[in-house]
Amino acid sequence: MTPQQNVSLIRILFDEIYSKGNLSLCDQILATDIRVVDPSAPNFKGGIAAFKEREATIRHAFPDKVVRIDEVFSTEERVIVRWTTQGNHTGALLDIPPSGRNIKISGITIFHLMDGKILEVAQAWDRLGLLEQIGAVEPSAALHQ
């Protein structure tokens, strides 16, 4: 695929799956053995079903979340995205009860694509910032000066 086609595919992921929760599109744009490399998901099993389960968990905690692409760069096999997500924490996030607080976090994701499908999602994002914003951990004065 061309870099432009790859970016179009990633925009579908961000607009339809991440922002609108349309998980039915996962089967069309994800490789069957999709991998997620993310420190917040050390036990990710791999595959579309596990990806959908992860997204459903996030959507439950933040039902109105929107994920915006801030910057994007693409080659024939990789797309790099700097993104921002916002939403309200109105559902439980694993064992963290809803706080009702609005969150705004950012991250960077490298997508590996093959044969018109997303094969791997490798990302780093502000997990501490999320936990602070929903009140799961106290903000560290040393980190906020």
C-alpha atoms as a PDB file:
ATOM      1  CA  MET A   1       0.000   0.000   0.000  1.00  0.00           C
ATOM      2  CA  THR A   2       1.072   3.573  -0.522  1.00  0.00           C
ATOM      3  CA  PRO A   3       1.818   5.815   2.457  1.00  0.00           C
ATOM      4  CA  GLN A   4      -1.410   7.723   1.722  1.00  0.00           C
ATOM      5  CA  GLN A   5      -3.462   4.501   1.744  1.00  0.00           C
ATOM      6  CA  ASN A   6      -1.853   3.528   5.045  1.00  0.00           C
ATOM      7  CA  VAL A   7      -2.783   6.881   6.589  1.00  0.00           C
ATOM      8  CA  SER A   8      -6.369   6.428   5.353  1.00  0.00           C
ATOM      9  CA  LEU A   9      -6.524   3.032   7.056  1.00  0.00           C
ATOM     10  CA  ILE A  10      -5.208   4.478  10.322  1.00  0.00           C
ATOM     11  CA  ARG A  11      -7.752   7.316  10.124  1.00  0.00           C
ATOM     12  CA  ILE A  12     -10.509   4.676   9.993  1.00  0.00           C
ATOM     13  CA  LEU A  13      -9.049   3.109  13.144  1.00  0.00           C
ATOM     14  CA  PHE A  14      -8.967   6.452  14.961  1.00  0.00           C
ATOM     15  CA  ASP A  15     -12.296   7.829  13.716  1.00  0.00           C
ATOM     16  CA  GLU A  16     -14.462   4.713  13.704  1.00  0.00           C
ATOM     17  CA  ILE A  17     -12.966   2.295  16.229  1.00  0.00           C
ATOM     18  CA  TYR A  18     -11.134   4.427  18.798  1.00  0.00           C
ATOM     19  CA  SER A  19     -13.504   7.426  18.721  1.00  0.00           C
ATOM     20  CA  LYS A  20     -16.896   5.902  17.853  1.00  0.00           C
ATOM     21  CA  GLY A  21     -16.441   2.391  19.251  1.00  0.00           C
ATOM     22  CA  ASN A  22     -17.357   0.673  15.974  1.00  0.00           C
ATOM     23  CA  LEU A  23     -15.597  -2.606  16.779  1.00  0.00           C
ATOM     24  CA  SER A  24     -17.174  -4.414  13.823  1.00  0.00           C
ATOM     25  CA  LEU A  25     -14.588  -2.725  11.586  1.00  0.00           C
ATOM     26  CA  CYS A  26     -11.754  -4.480  13.438  1.00  0.00           C
ATOM     27  CA  ASP A  27     -12.239  -7.582  11.303  1.00  0.00           C
ATOM     28  CA  GLN A  28     -11.715  -5.518   8.145  1.00  0.00           C
ATOM     29  CA  ILE A  29      -8.613  -3.531   9.073  1.00  0.00           C
ATOM     30  CA  LEU A  30      -6.722  -5.662  11.621  1.00  0.00           C
ATOM     31  CA  ALA A  31      -4.574  -8.705  10.908  1.00  0.00           C
ATOM     32  CA  THR A  32      -5.996 -11.820  12.571  1.00  0.00           C
ATOM     33  CA  ASP A  33      -2.870 -12.084  14.748  1.00  0.00           C
ATOM     34  CA  ILE A  34      -2.645  -8.369  15.627  1.00  0.00           C
ATOM     35  CA  ARG A  35      -0.099  -7.576  18.331  1.00  0.00           C
ATOM     36  CA  VAL A  36      -0.179  -4.726  20.842  1.00  0.00           C
ATOM     37  CA  VAL A  37       3.123  -3.628  22.353  1.00  0.00           C
ATOM     38  CA  ASP A  38       2.187  -1.327  25.214  1.00  0.00           C
ATOM     39  CA  PRO A  39       3.507  -1.176  28.799  1.00  0.00           C
ATOM     40  CA  SER A  40      -0.107  -0.891  29.986  1.00  0.00           C
ATOM     41  CA  ALA A  41      -0.957  -4.221  28.294  1.00  0.00           C
ATOM     42  CA  PRO A  42       1.886  -6.597  29.214  1.00  0.00           C
ATOM     43  CA  ASN A  43      -0.395  -9.644  28.969  1.00  0.00           C
ATOM     44  CA  PHE A  44      -2.033  -8.849  25.647  1.00  0.00           C
ATOM     45  CA  LYS A  45      -2.832 -12.245  24.119  1.00  0.00           C
ATOM     46  CA  GLY A  46      -2.843 -11.117  20.511  1.00  0.00           C
ATOM     47  CA  GLY A  47      -5.544 -11.404  17.897  1.00  0.00           C
ATOM     48  CA  ILE A  48      -8.640  -9.474  16.947  1.00  0.00           C
ATOM     49  CA  ALA A  49     -10.796 -10.794  19.813  1.00  0.00           C
ATOM     50  CA  ALA A  50      -8.251  -9.595  22.403  1.00  0.00           C
ATOM     51  CA  PHE A  51      -8.006  -6.218  20.637  1.00  0.00           C
ATOM     52  CA  LYS A  52     -11.796  -5.827  20.706  1.00  0.00           C
ATOM     53  CA  GLU A  53     -11.886  -6.803  24.391  1.00  0.00           C
ATOM     54  CA  ARG A  54      -9.238  -4.184  25.226  1.00  0.00           C
ATOM     55  CA  GLU A  55     -11.104  -1.492  23.301  1.00  0.00           C
ATOM     56  CA  ALA A  56     -14.429  -2.463  24.913  1.00  0.00           C
ATOM     57  CA  THR A  57     -12.839  -2.136  28.365  1.00  0.00           C
ATOM     58  CA  ILE A  58     -11.561   1.344  27.538  1.00  0.00           C
ATOM     59  CA  ARG A  59     -14.883   2.356  25.939  1.00  0.00           C
ATOM     60  CA  HIS A  60     -16.759   1.175  29.077  1.00  0.00           C
ATOM     61  CA  ALA A  61     -14.609   3.442  31.264  1.00  0.00           C
ATOM     62  CA  PHE A  62     -14.698   6.393  28.821  1.00  0.00           C
ATOM     63  CA  PRO A  63     -17.870   5.990  26.720  1.00  0.00           C
ATOM     64  CA  ASP A  64     -17.539   9.435  25.126  1.00  0.00           C
ATOM     65  CA  LYS A  65     -13.820   9.264  24.384  1.00  0.00           C
ATOM     66  CA  VAL A  66     -12.503  10.821  21.209  1.00  0.00           C
ATOM     67  CA  VAL A  67      -9.017  10.192  19.881  1.00  0.00           C
ATOM     68  CA  ARG A  68      -7.542  12.874  17.639  1.00  0.00           C
ATOM     69  CA  ILE A  69      -4.574  12.505  15.322  1.00  0.00           C
ATOM     70  CA  ASP A  70      -2.248  15.433  16.036  1.00  0.00           C
ATOM     71  CA  GLU A  71       0.512  14.469  13.622  1.00  0.00           C
ATOM     72  CA  VAL A  72       1.035  11.555  11.242  1.00  0.00           C
ATOM     73  CA  PHE A  73       3.946  10.191   9.198  1.00  0.00           C
ATOM     74  CA  SER A  74       3.829   7.167   6.904  1.00  0.00           C
ATOM     75  CA  THR A  75       5.992   4.836   4.832  1.00  0.00           C
ATOM     76  CA  GLU A  76       4.978   1.743   2.856  1.00  0.00           C
ATOM     77  CA  GLU A  77       4.832  -0.433   6.002  1.00  0.00           C
ATOM     78  CA  ARG A  78       4.656   1.917   8.993  1.00  0.00           C
ATOM     79  CA  VAL A  79       2.499   4.789  10.197  1.00  0.00           C
ATOM     80  CA  ILE A  80       3.581   6.913  13.160  1.00  0.00           C
ATOM     81  CA  VAL A  81       0.914   8.936  14.930  1.00  0.00           C
ATOM     82  CA  ARG A  82       1.117  11.487  17.719  1.00  0.00           C
ATOM     83  CA  TRP A  83      -2.359  11.591  19.235  1.00  0.00           C
ATOM     84  CA  THR A  84      -4.508  13.062  21.989  1.00  0.00           C
ATOM     85  CA  THR A  85      -7.547  11.480  23.602  1.00  0.00           C
ATOM     86  CA  GLN A  86     -10.230  13.098  25.719  1.00  0.00           C
ATOM     87  CA  GLY A  87     -13.255  11.732  27.538  1.00  0.00           C
ATOM     88  CA  ASN A  88     -15.133  11.444  30.800  1.00  0.00           C
ATOM     89  CA  HIS A  89     -14.382   8.634  33.243  1.00  0.00           C
ATOM     90  CA  THR A  90     -17.949   7.481  33.862  1.00  0.00           C
ATOM     91  CA  GLY A  91     -17.414   3.704  33.972  1.00  0.00           C
ATOM     92  CA  ALA A  92     -15.086   1.423  35.900  1.00  0.00           C
ATOM     93  CA  LEU A  93     -11.612   1.040  34.445  1.00  0.00           C
ATOM     94  CA  LEU A  94     -10.678  -2.473  35.476  1.00  0.00           C
ATOM     95  CA  ASP A  95     -10.669  -2.110  39.306  1.00  0.00           C
ATOM     96  CA  ILE A  96     -10.780   1.714  39.333  1.00  0.00           C
ATOM     97  CA  PRO A  97     -14.292   3.043  40.018  1.00  0.00           C
ATOM     98  CA  PRO A  98     -15.660   5.878  37.875  1.00  0.00           C
ATOM     99  CA  SER A  99     -14.472   9.305  38.971  1.00  0.00           C
ATOM    100  CA  GLY A 100     -16.668  11.435  36.720  1.00  0.00           C
ATOM    101  CA  ARG A 101     -13.559  13.386  35.785  1.00  0.00           C
ATOM    102  CA  ASN A 102     -12.619  14.527  32.314  1.00  0.00           C
ATOM    103  CA  ILE A 103      -9.282  13.278  31.008  1.00  0.00           C
ATOM    104  CA  LYS A 104      -6.910  14.463  28.329  1.00  0.00           C
ATOM    105  CA  ILE A 105      -3.805  12.426  27.553  1.00  0.00           C
ATOM    106  CA  SER A 106      -1.412  12.045  24.666  1.00  0.00           C
ATOM    107  CA  GLY A 107       0.796   9.385  23.185  1.00  0.00           C
ATOM    108  CA  ILE A 108       2.709   8.138  20.183  1.00  0.00           C
ATOM    109  CA  THR A 109       1.898   4.964  18.283  1.00  0.00           C
ATOM    110  CA  ILE A 110       3.837   3.144  15.587  1.00  0.00           C
ATOM    111  CA  PHE A 111       1.621   0.961  13.422  1.00  0.00           C
ATOM    112  CA  HIS A 112       3.116  -1.857  11.352  1.00  0.00           C
ATOM    113  CA  LEU A 113       0.960  -2.692   8.347  1.00  0.00           C
ATOM    114  CA  MET A 114       1.111  -5.658   6.001  1.00  0.00           C
ATOM    115  CA  ASP A 115      -1.149  -6.606   3.094  1.00  0.00           C
ATOM    116  CA  GLY A 116      -3.560  -3.759   3.853  1.00  0.00           C
ATOM    117  CA  LYS A 117      -4.056  -4.738   7.508  1.00  0.00           C
ATOM    118  CA  ILE A 118      -2.683  -3.475  10.817  1.00  0.00           C
ATOM    119  CA  LEU A 119      -0.312  -6.126  12.117  1.00  0.00           C
ATOM    120  CA  GLU A 120       1.149  -4.385  15.178  1.00  0.00           C
ATOM    121  CA  VAL A 121       0.354  -1.427  17.429  1.00  0.00           C
ATOM    122  CA  ALA A 122       3.413  -0.298  19.432  1.00  0.00           C
ATOM    123  CA  GLN A 123       2.765   2.673  21.666  1.00  0.00           C
ATOM    124  CA  ALA A 124       3.847   4.831  24.543  1.00  0.00           C
ATOM    125  CA  TRP A 125       1.401   7.167  26.256  1.00  0.00           C
ATOM    126  CA  ASP A 126       0.904   9.138  29.459  1.00  0.00           C
ATOM    127  CA  ARG A 127      -0.401   6.378  31.714  1.00  0.00           C
ATOM    128  CA  LEU A 128       0.625   8.217  34.914  1.00  0.00           C
ATOM    129  CA  GLY A 129      -1.215  11.325  33.722  1.00  0.00           C
ATOM    130  CA  LEU A 130      -4.358   9.265  33.163  1.00  0.00           C
ATOM    131  CA  LEU A 131      -4.178   7.724  36.645  1.00  0.00           C
ATOM    132  CA  GLU A 132      -3.619  11.163  38.193  1.00  0.00           C
ATOM    133  CA  GLN A 133      -6.503  12.723  36.260  1.00  0.00           C
ATOM    134  CA  ILE A 134      -8.990  10.062  37.372  1.00  0.00           C
ATOM    135  CA  GLY A 135      -7.767  10.253  40.971  1.00  0.00           C
ATOM    136  CA  ALA A 136      -6.296   6.731  41.110  1.00  0.00           C
ATOM    137  CA  VAL A 137      -2.899   8.096  42.225  1.00  0.00           C
ATOM    138  CA  GLU A 138      -1.894  11.352  43.851  1.00  0.00           C
ATOM    139  CA  PRO A 139       0.010  13.780  41.643  1.00  0.00           C
ATOM    140  CA  SER A 140       3.691  13.807  42.469  1.00  0.00           C
ATOM    141  CA  ALA A 141       4.929  17.299  43.303  1.00  0.00           C
ATOM    142  CA  ALA A 142       8.337  16.359  41.903  1.00  0.00           C
ATOM    143  CA  LEU A 143       6.828  15.635  38.491  1.00  0.00           C
ATOM    144  CA  HIS A 144       4.674  18.773  38.287  1.00  0.00           C
ATOM    145  CA  GLN A 145       7.094  21.614  38.999  1.00  0.00           C
END
